[in-house]
mmCIF file of all heavy atoms, coordinates in Angstrom:
data_MODEL
# 
_entry.id   MODEL 
# 
loop_
_atom_site.group_PDB 
_atom_site.id 
_atom_site.type_symbol 
_atom_site.label_atom_id 
_atom_site.label_alt_id 
_atom_site.label_comp_id 
_atom_site.label_asym_id 
_atom_site.label_entity_id 
_atom_site.label_seq_id 
_atom_site.pdbx_PDB_ins_code 
_atom_site.Cartn_x 
_atom_site.Cartn_y 
_atom_site.Cartn_z 
_atom_site.occupancy 
_atom_site.B_iso_or_equiv 
_atom_site.pdbx_formal_charge 
_atom_site.auth_seq_id 
_atom_site.auth_comp_id 
_atom_site.auth_asym_id 
_atom_site.auth_atom_id 
_atom_site.pdbx_PDB_model_num 
ATOM 1   N N   . MET A 1 1  ? -89.231  18.047 -85.436  1.00 0.00 ? 1  MET A N   1 
ATOM 2   C CA  . MET A 1 1  ? -90.415  18.817 -85.095  1.00 0.00 ? 1  MET A CA  1 
ATOM 3   C C   . MET A 1 1  ? -90.156  19.559 -83.792  1.00 0.00 ? 1  MET A C   1 
ATOM 4   O O   . MET A 1 1  ? -90.131  18.956 -82.721  1.00 0.00 ? 1  MET A O   1 
ATOM 5   C CB  . MET A 1 1  ? -91.635  17.905 -84.958  1.00 0.00 ? 1  MET A CB  1 
ATOM 6   C CG  . MET A 1 1  ? -91.909  17.063 -86.194  1.00 0.00 ? 1  MET A CG  1 
ATOM 7   S SD  . MET A 1 1  ? -93.200  15.807 -85.942  1.00 0.00 ? 1  MET A SD  1 
ATOM 8   C CE  . MET A 1 1  ? -94.599  16.827 -85.525  1.00 0.00 ? 1  MET A CE  1 
ATOM 9   N N   . ASN A 1 2  ? -89.959  20.845 -83.905  1.00 0.00 ? 2  ASN A N   1 
ATOM 10  C CA  . ASN A 1 2  ? -89.784  21.686 -82.736  1.00 0.00 ? 2  ASN A CA  1 
ATOM 11  C C   . ASN A 1 2  ? -91.045  22.494 -82.491  1.00 0.00 ? 2  ASN A C   1 
ATOM 12  O O   . ASN A 1 2  ? -91.737  22.886 -83.422  1.00 0.00 ? 2  ASN A O   1 
ATOM 13  C CB  . ASN A 1 2  ? -88.590  22.623 -82.915  1.00 0.00 ? 2  ASN A CB  1 
ATOM 14  C CG  . ASN A 1 2  ? -87.277  21.896 -82.961  1.00 0.00 ? 2  ASN A CG  1 
ATOM 15  O OD1 . ASN A 1 2  ? -87.124  20.816 -82.395  1.00 0.00 ? 2  ASN A OD1 1 
ATOM 16  N ND2 . ASN A 1 2  ? -86.298  22.490 -83.633  1.00 0.00 ? 2  ASN A ND2 1 
ATOM 17  N N   . SER A 1 3  ? -91.308  22.745 -81.237  1.00 0.00 ? 3  SER A N   1 
ATOM 18  C CA  . SER A 1 3  ? -92.495  23.499 -80.829  1.00 0.00 ? 3  SER A CA  1 
ATOM 19  C C   . SER A 1 3  ? -93.760  22.986 -81.496  1.00 0.00 ? 3  SER A C   1 
ATOM 20  O O   . SER A 1 3  ? -94.533  23.758 -82.077  1.00 0.00 ? 3  SER A O   1 
ATOM 21  C CB  . SER A 1 3  ? -92.304  24.988 -81.134  1.00 0.00 ? 3  SER A CB  1 
ATOM 22  O OG  . SER A 1 3  ? -91.190  25.509 -80.439  1.00 0.00 ? 3  SER A OG  1 
ATOM 23  N N   . PRO A 1 4  ? -94.009  21.687 -81.453  1.00 0.00 ? 4  PRO A N   1 
ATOM 24  C CA  . PRO A 1 4  ? -95.233  21.184 -82.072  1.00 0.00 ? 4  PRO A CA  1 
ATOM 25  C C   . PRO A 1 4  ? -96.471  21.720 -81.372  1.00 0.00 ? 4  PRO A C   1 
ATOM 26  O O   . PRO A 1 4  ? -96.443  22.034 -80.172  1.00 0.00 ? 4  PRO A O   1 
ATOM 27  C CB  . PRO A 1 4  ? -95.110  19.667 -81.918  1.00 0.00 ? 4  PRO A CB  1 
ATOM 28  C CG  . PRO A 1 4  ? -94.242  19.484 -80.711  1.00 0.00 ? 4  PRO A CG  1 
ATOM 29  C CD  . PRO A 1 4  ? -93.257  20.620 -80.767  1.00 0.00 ? 4  PRO A CD  1 
ATOM 30  N N   . LYS A 1 5  ? -97.530  21.805 -82.129  1.00 0.00 ? 5  LYS A N   1 
ATOM 31  C CA  . LYS A 1 5  ? -98.812  22.299 -81.652  1.00 0.00 ? 5  LYS A CA  1 
ATOM 32  C C   . LYS A 1 5  ? -99.845  21.195 -81.738  1.00 0.00 ? 5  LYS A C   1 
ATOM 33  O O   . LYS A 1 5  ? -99.689  20.251 -82.514  1.00 0.00 ? 5  LYS A O   1 
ATOM 34  C CB  . LYS A 1 5  ? -99.263  23.499 -82.492  1.00 0.00 ? 5  LYS A CB  1 
ATOM 35  C CG  . LYS A 1 5  ? -98.266  24.637 -82.555  1.00 0.00 ? 5  LYS A CG  1 
ATOM 36  C CD  . LYS A 1 5  ? -98.740  25.715 -83.521  1.00 0.00 ? 5  LYS A CD  1 
ATOM 37  C CE  . LYS A 1 5  ? -97.733  26.847 -83.609  1.00 0.00 ? 5  LYS A CE  1 
ATOM 38  N NZ  . LYS A 1 5  ? -98.179  27.887 -84.567  1.00 0.00 ? 5  LYS A NZ  1 
ATOM 39  N N   . PRO A 1 6  ? -100.922 21.299 -80.964  1.00 0.00 ? 6  PRO A N   1 
ATOM 40  C CA  . PRO A 1 6  ? -101.966 20.275 -81.059  1.00 0.00 ? 6  PRO A CA  1 
ATOM 41  C C   . PRO A 1 6  ? -102.473 20.062 -82.479  1.00 0.00 ? 6  PRO A C   1 
ATOM 42  O O   . PRO A 1 6  ? -102.812 18.925 -82.844  1.00 0.00 ? 6  PRO A O   1 
ATOM 43  C CB  . PRO A 1 6  ? -103.064 20.813 -80.137  1.00 0.00 ? 6  PRO A CB  1 
ATOM 44  C CG  . PRO A 1 6  ? -102.323 21.599 -79.109  1.00 0.00 ? 6  PRO A CG  1 
ATOM 45  C CD  . PRO A 1 6  ? -101.190 22.249 -79.861  1.00 0.00 ? 6  PRO A CD  1 
ATOM 46  N N   . GLU A 1 7  ? -102.511 21.108 -83.284  1.00 0.00 ? 7  GLU A N   1 
ATOM 47  C CA  . GLU A 1 7  ? -102.970 20.960 -84.653  1.00 0.00 ? 7  GLU A CA  1 
ATOM 48  C C   . GLU A 1 7  ? -102.000 20.199 -85.543  1.00 0.00 ? 7  GLU A C   1 
ATOM 49  O O   . GLU A 1 7  ? -102.322 19.890 -86.692  1.00 0.00 ? 7  GLU A O   1 
ATOM 50  C CB  . GLU A 1 7  ? -103.290 22.332 -85.272  1.00 0.00 ? 7  GLU A CB  1 
ATOM 51  C CG  . GLU A 1 7  ? -102.170 23.337 -85.135  1.00 0.00 ? 7  GLU A CG  1 
ATOM 52  C CD  . GLU A 1 7  ? -102.369 24.285 -83.963  1.00 0.00 ? 7  GLU A CD  1 
ATOM 53  O OE1 . GLU A 1 7  ? -102.729 23.816 -82.865  1.00 0.00 ? 7  GLU A OE1 1 
ATOM 54  O OE2 . GLU A 1 7  ? -102.169 25.507 -84.154  1.00 0.00 ? 7  GLU A OE2 1 
ATOM 55  N N   . ASP A 1 8  ? -100.806 19.900 -85.031  1.00 0.00 ? 8  ASP A N   1 
ATOM 56  C CA  . ASP A 1 8  ? -99.870  19.048 -85.751  1.00 0.00 ? 8  ASP A CA  1 
ATOM 57  C C   . ASP A 1 8  ? -100.175 17.568 -85.569  1.00 0.00 ? 8  ASP A C   1 
ATOM 58  O O   . ASP A 1 8  ? -99.516  16.733 -86.198  1.00 0.00 ? 8  ASP A O   1 
ATOM 59  C CB  . ASP A 1 8  ? -98.438  19.320 -85.301  1.00 0.00 ? 8  ASP A CB  1 
ATOM 60  C CG  . ASP A 1 8  ? -97.967  20.721 -85.640  1.00 0.00 ? 8  ASP A CG  1 
ATOM 61  O OD1 . ASP A 1 8  ? -98.271  21.212 -86.743  1.00 0.00 ? 8  ASP A OD1 1 
ATOM 62  O OD2 . ASP A 1 8  ? -97.275  21.331 -84.791  1.00 0.00 ? 8  ASP A OD2 1 
ATOM 63  N N   . THR A 1 9  ? -101.124 17.250 -84.715  1.00 0.00 ? 9  THR A N   1 
ATOM 64  C CA  . THR A 1 9  ? -101.486 15.860 -84.479  1.00 0.00 ? 9  THR A CA  1 
ATOM 65  C C   . THR A 1 9  ? -101.998 15.219 -85.763  1.00 0.00 ? 9  THR A C   1 
ATOM 66  O O   . THR A 1 9  ? -102.922 15.725 -86.400  1.00 0.00 ? 9  THR A O   1 
ATOM 67  C CB  . THR A 1 9  ? -102.550 15.767 -83.386  1.00 0.00 ? 9  THR A CB  1 
ATOM 68  O OG1 . THR A 1 9  ? -101.999 16.213 -82.141  1.00 0.00 ? 9  THR A OG1 1 
ATOM 69  C CG2 . THR A 1 9  ? -103.040 14.338 -83.221  1.00 0.00 ? 9  THR A CG2 1 
ATOM 70  N N   . ALA A 1 10 ? -101.387 14.120 -86.140  1.00 0.00 ? 10 ALA A N   1 
ATOM 71  C CA  . ALA A 1 10 ? -101.744 13.435 -87.383  1.00 0.00 ? 10 ALA A CA  1 
ATOM 72  C C   . ALA A 1 10 ? -100.886 12.187 -87.515  1.00 0.00 ? 10 ALA A C   1 
ATOM 73  O O   . ALA A 1 10 ? -99.935  11.975 -86.752  1.00 0.00 ? 10 ALA A O   1 
ATOM 74  C CB  . ALA A 1 10 ? -101.520 14.343 -88.598  1.00 0.00 ? 10 ALA A CB  1 
ATOM 75  N N   . VAL A 1 11 ? -101.227 11.376 -88.492  1.00 0.00 ? 11 VAL A N   1 
ATOM 76  C CA  . VAL A 1 11 ? -100.331 10.322 -88.931  1.00 0.00 ? 11 VAL A CA  1 
ATOM 77  C C   . VAL A 1 11 ? -99.396  10.930 -89.966  1.00 0.00 ? 11 VAL A C   1 
ATOM 78  O O   . VAL A 1 11 ? -99.850  11.546 -90.936  1.00 0.00 ? 11 VAL A O   1 
ATOM 79  C CB  . VAL A 1 11 ? -101.093 9.129  -89.530  1.00 0.00 ? 11 VAL A CB  1 
ATOM 80  C CG1 . VAL A 1 11 ? -100.122 8.086  -90.069  1.00 0.00 ? 11 VAL A CG1 1 
ATOM 81  C CG2 . VAL A 1 11 ? -102.007 8.506  -88.480  1.00 0.00 ? 11 VAL A CG2 1 
ATOM 82  N N   . TYR A 1 12 ? -98.112  10.759 -89.765  1.00 0.00 ? 12 TYR A N   1 
ATOM 83  C CA  . TYR A 1 12 ? -97.112  11.332 -90.650  1.00 0.00 ? 12 TYR A CA  1 
ATOM 84  C C   . TYR A 1 12 ? -96.563  10.252 -91.568  1.00 0.00 ? 12 TYR A C   1 
ATOM 85  O O   . TYR A 1 12 ? -96.177  9.177  -91.118  1.00 0.00 ? 12 TYR A O   1 
ATOM 86  C CB  . TYR A 1 12 ? -95.983  11.969 -89.842  1.00 0.00 ? 12 TYR A CB  1 
ATOM 87  C CG  . TYR A 1 12 ? -96.358  13.317 -89.287  1.00 0.00 ? 12 TYR A CG  1 
ATOM 88  C CD1 . TYR A 1 12 ? -97.285  13.417 -88.253  1.00 0.00 ? 12 TYR A CD1 1 
ATOM 89  C CD2 . TYR A 1 12 ? -95.817  14.488 -89.805  1.00 0.00 ? 12 TYR A CD2 1 
ATOM 90  C CE1 . TYR A 1 12 ? -97.663  14.653 -87.755  1.00 0.00 ? 12 TYR A CE1 1 
ATOM 91  C CE2 . TYR A 1 12 ? -96.188  15.721 -89.308  1.00 0.00 ? 12 TYR A CE2 1 
ATOM 92  C CZ  . TYR A 1 12 ? -97.108  15.802 -88.286  1.00 0.00 ? 12 TYR A CZ  1 
ATOM 93  O OH  . TYR A 1 12 ? -97.475  17.036 -87.788  1.00 0.00 ? 12 TYR A OH  1 
ATOM 94  N N   . TYR A 1 13 ? -96.517  10.569 -92.848  1.00 0.00 ? 13 TYR A N   1 
ATOM 95  C CA  . TYR A 1 13 ? -96.075  9.634  -93.869  1.00 0.00 ? 13 TYR A CA  1 
ATOM 96  C C   . TYR A 1 13 ? -94.830  10.144 -94.575  1.00 0.00 ? 13 TYR A C   1 
ATOM 97  O O   . TYR A 1 13 ? -94.740  11.316 -94.932  1.00 0.00 ? 13 TYR A O   1 
ATOM 98  C CB  . TYR A 1 13 ? -97.168  9.428  -94.921  1.00 0.00 ? 13 TYR A CB  1 
ATOM 99  C CG  . TYR A 1 13 ? -98.438  8.809  -94.397  1.00 0.00 ? 13 TYR A CG  1 
ATOM 100 C CD1 . TYR A 1 13 ? -99.483  9.599  -93.943  1.00 0.00 ? 13 TYR A CD1 1 
ATOM 101 C CD2 . TYR A 1 13 ? -98.590  7.429  -94.367  1.00 0.00 ? 13 TYR A CD2 1 
ATOM 102 C CE1 . TYR A 1 13 ? -100.652 9.037  -93.466  1.00 0.00 ? 13 TYR A CE1 1 
ATOM 103 C CE2 . TYR A 1 13 ? -99.761  6.856  -93.896  1.00 0.00 ? 13 TYR A CE2 1 
ATOM 104 C CZ  . TYR A 1 13 ? -100.785 7.669  -93.448  1.00 0.00 ? 13 TYR A CZ  1 
ATOM 105 O OH  . TYR A 1 13 ? -101.950 7.109  -92.982  1.00 0.00 ? 13 TYR A OH  1 
ATOM 106 N N   . CYS A 1 14 ? -93.927  9.245  -94.790  1.00 0.00 ? 14 CYS A N   1 
ATOM 107 C CA  . CYS A 1 14 ? -92.760  9.495  -95.611  1.00 0.00 ? 14 CYS A CA  1 
ATOM 108 C C   . CYS A 1 14 ? -93.078  9.085  -97.044  1.00 0.00 ? 14 CYS A C   1 
ATOM 109 O O   . CYS A 1 14 ? -93.755  8.074  -97.278  1.00 0.00 ? 14 CYS A O   1 
ATOM 110 C CB  . CYS A 1 14 ? -91.579  8.685  -95.068  1.00 0.00 ? 14 CYS A CB  1 
ATOM 111 S SG  . CYS A 1 14 ? -90.048  8.812  -95.990  1.00 0.00 ? 14 CYS A SG  1 
ATOM 112 N N   . ALA A 1 15 ? -92.612  9.858  -98.008  1.00 0.00 ? 15 ALA A N   1 
ATOM 113 C CA  . ALA A 1 15 ? -92.899  9.577  -99.403  1.00 0.00 ? 15 ALA A CA  1 
ATOM 114 C C   . ALA A 1 15 ? -91.669  9.804  -100.265 1.00 0.00 ? 15 ALA A C   1 
ATOM 115 O O   . ALA A 1 15 ? -90.835  10.669 -99.968  1.00 0.00 ? 15 ALA A O   1 
ATOM 116 C CB  . ALA A 1 15 ? -94.044  10.466 -99.899  1.00 0.00 ? 15 ALA A CB  1 
ATOM 117 N N   . ALA A 1 16 ? -91.570  9.038  -101.334 1.00 0.00 ? 16 ALA A N   1 
ATOM 118 C CA  . ALA A 1 16 ? -90.470  9.141  -102.283 1.00 0.00 ? 16 ALA A CA  1 
ATOM 119 C C   . ALA A 1 16 ? -91.012  9.397  -103.673 1.00 0.00 ? 16 ALA A C   1 
ATOM 120 O O   . ALA A 1 16 ? -91.961  8.739  -104.107 1.00 0.00 ? 16 ALA A O   1 
ATOM 121 C CB  . ALA A 1 16 ? -89.629  7.870  -102.274 1.00 0.00 ? 16 ALA A CB  1 
ATOM 122 N N   . GLY A 1 17 ? -90.401  10.344 -104.365 1.00 0.00 ? 17 GLY A N   1 
ATOM 123 C CA  . GLY A 1 17 ? -90.779  10.666 -105.725 1.00 0.00 ? 17 GLY A CA  1 
ATOM 124 C C   . GLY A 1 17 ? -89.734  10.207 -106.714 1.00 0.00 ? 17 GLY A C   1 
ATOM 125 O O   . GLY A 1 17 ? -88.571  10.613 -106.615 1.00 0.00 ? 17 GLY A O   1 
ATOM 126 N N   . ARG A 1 18 ? -90.151  9.418  -107.669 1.00 0.00 ? 18 ARG A N   1 
ATOM 127 C CA  . ARG A 1 18 ? -89.208  8.838  -108.620 1.00 0.00 ? 18 ARG A CA  1 
ATOM 128 C C   . ARG A 1 18 ? -88.733  9.858  -109.650 1.00 0.00 ? 18 ARG A C   1 
ATOM 129 O O   . ARG A 1 18 ? -87.569  9.851  -110.034 1.00 0.00 ? 18 ARG A O   1 
ATOM 130 C CB  . ARG A 1 18 ? -89.874  7.650  -109.319 1.00 0.00 ? 18 ARG A CB  1 
ATOM 131 C CG  . ARG A 1 18 ? -88.997  6.914  -110.299 1.00 0.00 ? 18 ARG A CG  1 
ATOM 132 C CD  . ARG A 1 18 ? -89.685  5.661  -110.808 1.00 0.00 ? 18 ARG A CD  1 
ATOM 133 N NE  . ARG A 1 18 ? -90.971  5.953  -111.418 1.00 0.00 ? 18 ARG A NE  1 
ATOM 134 C CZ  . ARG A 1 18 ? -91.138  6.300  -112.692 1.00 0.00 ? 18 ARG A CZ  1 
ATOM 135 N NH1 . ARG A 1 18 ? -90.082  6.413  -113.491 1.00 0.00 ? 18 ARG A NH1 1 
ATOM 136 N NH2 . ARG A 1 18 ? -92.352  6.552  -113.161 1.00 0.00 ? 18 ARG A NH2 1 
ATOM 137 N N   . LEU A 1 19 ? -89.615  10.722 -110.076 1.00 0.00 ? 19 LEU A N   1 
ATOM 138 C CA  . LEU A 1 19 ? -89.274  11.703 -111.087 1.00 0.00 ? 19 LEU A CA  1 
ATOM 139 C C   . LEU A 1 19 ? -88.759  12.974 -110.437 1.00 0.00 ? 19 LEU A C   1 
ATOM 140 O O   . LEU A 1 19 ? -89.004  13.242 -109.265 1.00 0.00 ? 19 LEU A O   1 
ATOM 141 C CB  . LEU A 1 19 ? -90.472  12.006 -111.979 1.00 0.00 ? 19 LEU A CB  1 
ATOM 142 C CG  . LEU A 1 19 ? -91.029  10.818 -112.761 1.00 0.00 ? 19 LEU A CG  1 
ATOM 143 C CD1 . LEU A 1 19 ? -92.222  11.257 -113.599 1.00 0.00 ? 19 LEU A CD1 1 
ATOM 144 C CD2 . LEU A 1 19 ? -89.960  10.196 -113.640 1.00 0.00 ? 19 LEU A CD2 1 
ATOM 145 N N   . ASN A 1 20 ? -88.067  13.753 -111.220 1.00 0.00 ? 20 ASN A N   1 
ATOM 146 C CA  . ASN A 1 20 ? -87.393  14.931 -110.703 1.00 0.00 ? 20 ASN A CA  1 
ATOM 147 C C   . ASN A 1 20 ? -88.331  16.131 -110.686 1.00 0.00 ? 20 ASN A C   1 
ATOM 148 O O   . ASN A 1 20 ? -88.266  17.008 -111.550 1.00 0.00 ? 20 ASN A O   1 
ATOM 149 C CB  . ASN A 1 20 ? -86.142  15.233 -111.523 1.00 0.00 ? 20 ASN A CB  1 
ATOM 150 C CG  . ASN A 1 20 ? -85.304  16.325 -110.911 1.00 0.00 ? 20 ASN A CG  1 
ATOM 151 O OD1 . ASN A 1 20 ? -85.353  16.551 -109.704 1.00 0.00 ? 20 ASN A OD1 1 
ATOM 152 N ND2 . ASN A 1 20 ? -84.530  17.010 -111.737 1.00 0.00 ? 20 ASN A ND2 1 
ATOM 153 N N   . TYR A 1 21 ? -89.208  16.147 -109.709 1.00 0.00 ? 21 TYR A N   1 
ATOM 154 C CA  . TYR A 1 21 ? -90.112  17.271 -109.488 1.00 0.00 ? 21 TYR A CA  1 
ATOM 155 C C   . TYR A 1 21 ? -89.701  17.983 -108.213 1.00 0.00 ? 21 TYR A C   1 
ATOM 156 O O   . TYR A 1 21 ? -90.264  17.746 -107.143 1.00 0.00 ? 21 TYR A O   1 
ATOM 157 C CB  . TYR A 1 21 ? -91.556  16.812 -109.393 1.00 0.00 ? 21 TYR A CB  1 
ATOM 158 C CG  . TYR A 1 21 ? -92.134  16.278 -110.674 1.00 0.00 ? 21 TYR A CG  1 
ATOM 159 C CD1 . TYR A 1 21 ? -92.406  14.928 -110.823 1.00 0.00 ? 21 TYR A CD1 1 
ATOM 160 C CD2 . TYR A 1 21 ? -92.422  17.136 -111.728 1.00 0.00 ? 21 TYR A CD2 1 
ATOM 161 C CE1 . TYR A 1 21 ? -92.943  14.437 -111.997 1.00 0.00 ? 21 TYR A CE1 1 
ATOM 162 C CE2 . TYR A 1 21 ? -92.959  16.655 -112.906 1.00 0.00 ? 21 TYR A CE2 1 
ATOM 163 C CZ  . TYR A 1 21 ? -93.222  15.296 -113.040 1.00 0.00 ? 21 TYR A CZ  1 
ATOM 164 O OH  . TYR A 1 21 ? -93.766  14.822 -114.204 1.00 0.00 ? 21 TYR A OH  1 
ATOM 165 N N   . GLU A 1 22 ? -88.723  18.822 -108.306 1.00 0.00 ? 22 GLU A N   1 
ATOM 166 C CA  . GLU A 1 22 ? -88.308  19.591 -107.143 1.00 0.00 ? 22 GLU A CA  1 
ATOM 167 C C   . GLU A 1 22 ? -89.399  20.562 -106.744 1.00 0.00 ? 22 GLU A C   1 
ATOM 168 O O   . GLU A 1 22 ? -90.130  21.079 -107.578 1.00 0.00 ? 22 GLU A O   1 
ATOM 169 C CB  . GLU A 1 22 ? -87.010  20.341 -107.413 1.00 0.00 ? 22 GLU A CB  1 
ATOM 170 C CG  . GLU A 1 22 ? -85.793  19.445 -107.491 1.00 0.00 ? 22 GLU A CG  1 
ATOM 171 C CD  . GLU A 1 22 ? -84.485  20.212 -107.444 1.00 0.00 ? 22 GLU A CD  1 
ATOM 172 O OE1 . GLU A 1 22 ? -84.510  21.445 -107.228 1.00 0.00 ? 22 GLU A OE1 1 
ATOM 173 O OE2 . GLU A 1 22 ? -83.431  19.584 -107.624 1.00 0.00 ? 22 GLU A OE2 1 
ATOM 174 N N   . LEU A 1 23 ? -89.518  20.768 -105.454 1.00 0.00 ? 23 LEU A N   1 
ATOM 175 C CA  . LEU A 1 23 ? -90.509  21.652 -104.848 1.00 0.00 ? 23 LEU A CA  1 
ATOM 176 C C   . LEU A 1 23 ? -91.930  21.107 -104.958 1.00 0.00 ? 23 LEU A C   1 
ATOM 177 O O   . LEU A 1 23 ? -92.891  21.844 -104.795 1.00 0.00 ? 23 LEU A O   1 
ATOM 178 C CB  . LEU A 1 23 ? -90.443  23.068 -105.442 1.00 0.00 ? 23 LEU A CB  1 
ATOM 179 C CG  . LEU A 1 23 ? -89.069  23.746 -105.429 1.00 0.00 ? 23 LEU A CG  1 
ATOM 180 C CD1 . LEU A 1 23 ? -89.173  25.143 -106.016 1.00 0.00 ? 23 LEU A CD1 1 
ATOM 181 C CD2 . LEU A 1 23 ? -88.514  23.803 -104.017 1.00 0.00 ? 23 LEU A CD2 1 
ATOM 182 N N   . ALA A 1 24 ? -92.061  19.821 -105.218 1.00 0.00 ? 24 ALA A N   1 
ATOM 183 C CA  . ALA A 1 24 ? -93.380  19.219 -105.332 1.00 0.00 ? 24 ALA A CA  1 
ATOM 184 C C   . ALA A 1 24 ? -94.089  19.222 -103.988 1.00 0.00 ? 24 ALA A C   1 
ATOM 185 O O   . ALA A 1 24 ? -93.514  18.852 -102.959 1.00 0.00 ? 24 ALA A O   1 
ATOM 186 C CB  . ALA A 1 24 ? -93.260  17.798 -105.855 1.00 0.00 ? 24 ALA A CB  1 
ATOM 187 N N   . ARG A 1 25 ? -95.354  19.633 -103.996 1.00 0.00 ? 25 ARG A N   1 
ATOM 188 C CA  . ARG A 1 25 ? -96.210  19.622 -102.819 1.00 0.00 ? 25 ARG A CA  1 
ATOM 189 C C   . ARG A 1 25 ? -97.433  18.736 -103.000 1.00 0.00 ? 25 ARG A C   1 
ATOM 190 O O   . ARG A 1 25 ? -98.209  18.555 -102.055 1.00 0.00 ? 25 ARG A O   1 
ATOM 191 C CB  . ARG A 1 25 ? -96.653  21.047 -102.488 1.00 0.00 ? 25 ARG A CB  1 
ATOM 192 C CG  . ARG A 1 25 ? -95.503  21.975 -102.138 1.00 0.00 ? 25 ARG A CG  1 
ATOM 193 C CD  . ARG A 1 25 ? -95.958  23.424 -102.043 1.00 0.00 ? 25 ARG A CD  1 
ATOM 194 N NE  . ARG A 1 25 ? -94.835  24.304 -101.738 1.00 0.00 ? 25 ARG A NE  1 
ATOM 195 C CZ  . ARG A 1 25 ? -94.532  24.754 -100.530 1.00 0.00 ? 25 ARG A CZ  1 
ATOM 196 N NH1 . ARG A 1 25 ? -95.304  24.438 -99.491  1.00 0.00 ? 25 ARG A NH1 1 
ATOM 197 N NH2 . ARG A 1 25 ? -93.484  25.534 -100.348 1.00 0.00 ? 25 ARG A NH2 1 
ATOM 198 N N   . ASP A 1 26 ? -97.602  18.213 -104.165 1.00 0.00 ? 26 ASP A N   1 
ATOM 199 C CA  . ASP A 1 26 ? -98.736  17.378 -104.513 1.00 0.00 ? 26 ASP A CA  1 
ATOM 200 C C   . ASP A 1 26 ? -98.397  15.920 -104.223 1.00 0.00 ? 26 ASP A C   1 
ATOM 201 O O   . ASP A 1 26 ? -97.379  15.408 -104.682 1.00 0.00 ? 26 ASP A O   1 
ATOM 202 C CB  . ASP A 1 26 ? -99.079  17.584 -105.985 1.00 0.00 ? 26 ASP A CB  1 
ATOM 203 C CG  . ASP A 1 26 ? -100.291 16.810 -106.444 1.00 0.00 ? 26 ASP A CG  1 
ATOM 204 O OD1 . ASP A 1 26 ? -100.920 16.107 -105.622 1.00 0.00 ? 26 ASP A OD1 1 
ATOM 205 O OD2 . ASP A 1 26 ? -100.628 16.911 -107.634 1.00 0.00 ? 26 ASP A OD2 1 
ATOM 206 N N   . ALA A 1 27 ? -99.262  15.245 -103.476 1.00 0.00 ? 27 ALA A N   1 
ATOM 207 C CA  . ALA A 1 27 ? -99.034  13.841 -103.171 1.00 0.00 ? 27 ALA A CA  1 
ATOM 208 C C   . ALA A 1 27 ? -98.908  12.998 -104.432 1.00 0.00 ? 27 ALA A C   1 
ATOM 209 O O   . ALA A 1 27 ? -98.227  11.965 -104.427 1.00 0.00 ? 27 ALA A O   1 
ATOM 210 C CB  . ALA A 1 27 ? -100.158 13.297 -102.285 1.00 0.00 ? 27 ALA A CB  1 
ATOM 211 N N   . GLY A 1 28 ? -99.541  13.437 -105.503 1.00 0.00 ? 28 GLY A N   1 
ATOM 212 C CA  . GLY A 1 28 ? -99.468  12.712 -106.753 1.00 0.00 ? 28 GLY A CA  1 
ATOM 213 C C   . GLY A 1 28 ? -98.099  12.708 -107.393 1.00 0.00 ? 28 GLY A C   1 
ATOM 214 O O   . GLY A 1 28 ? -97.842  11.916 -108.298 1.00 0.00 ? 28 GLY A O   1 
ATOM 215 N N   . ARG A 1 29 ? -97.227  13.576 -106.951 1.00 0.00 ? 29 ARG A N   1 
ATOM 216 C CA  . ARG A 1 29 ? -95.858  13.618 -107.465 1.00 0.00 ? 29 ARG A CA  1 
ATOM 217 C C   . ARG A 1 29 ? -94.948  12.620 -106.760 1.00 0.00 ? 29 ARG A C   1 
ATOM 218 O O   . ARG A 1 29 ? -93.779  12.492 -107.136 1.00 0.00 ? 29 ARG A O   1 
ATOM 219 C CB  . ARG A 1 29 ? -95.277  15.014 -107.303 1.00 0.00 ? 29 ARG A CB  1 
ATOM 220 C CG  . ARG A 1 29 ? -96.032  16.104 -108.048 1.00 0.00 ? 29 ARG A CG  1 
ATOM 221 C CD  . ARG A 1 29 ? -95.952  15.918 -109.544 1.00 0.00 ? 29 ARG A CD  1 
ATOM 222 N NE  . ARG A 1 29 ? -96.464  17.088 -110.253 1.00 0.00 ? 29 ARG A NE  1 
ATOM 223 C CZ  . ARG A 1 29 ? -96.580  17.183 -111.566 1.00 0.00 ? 29 ARG A CZ  1 
ATOM 224 N NH1 . ARG A 1 29 ? -96.202  16.169 -112.337 1.00 0.00 ? 29 ARG A NH1 1 
ATOM 225 N NH2 . ARG A 1 29 ? -97.054  18.284 -112.116 1.00 0.00 ? 29 ARG A NH2 1 
# 
């Protein structure tokens, strides 16, 4: 994270997707 902004404040979560959905942006994937 370079040049973070106050609006970047949050809890950050790492996630793993079992199926091959490249470019997935949906948490459900």
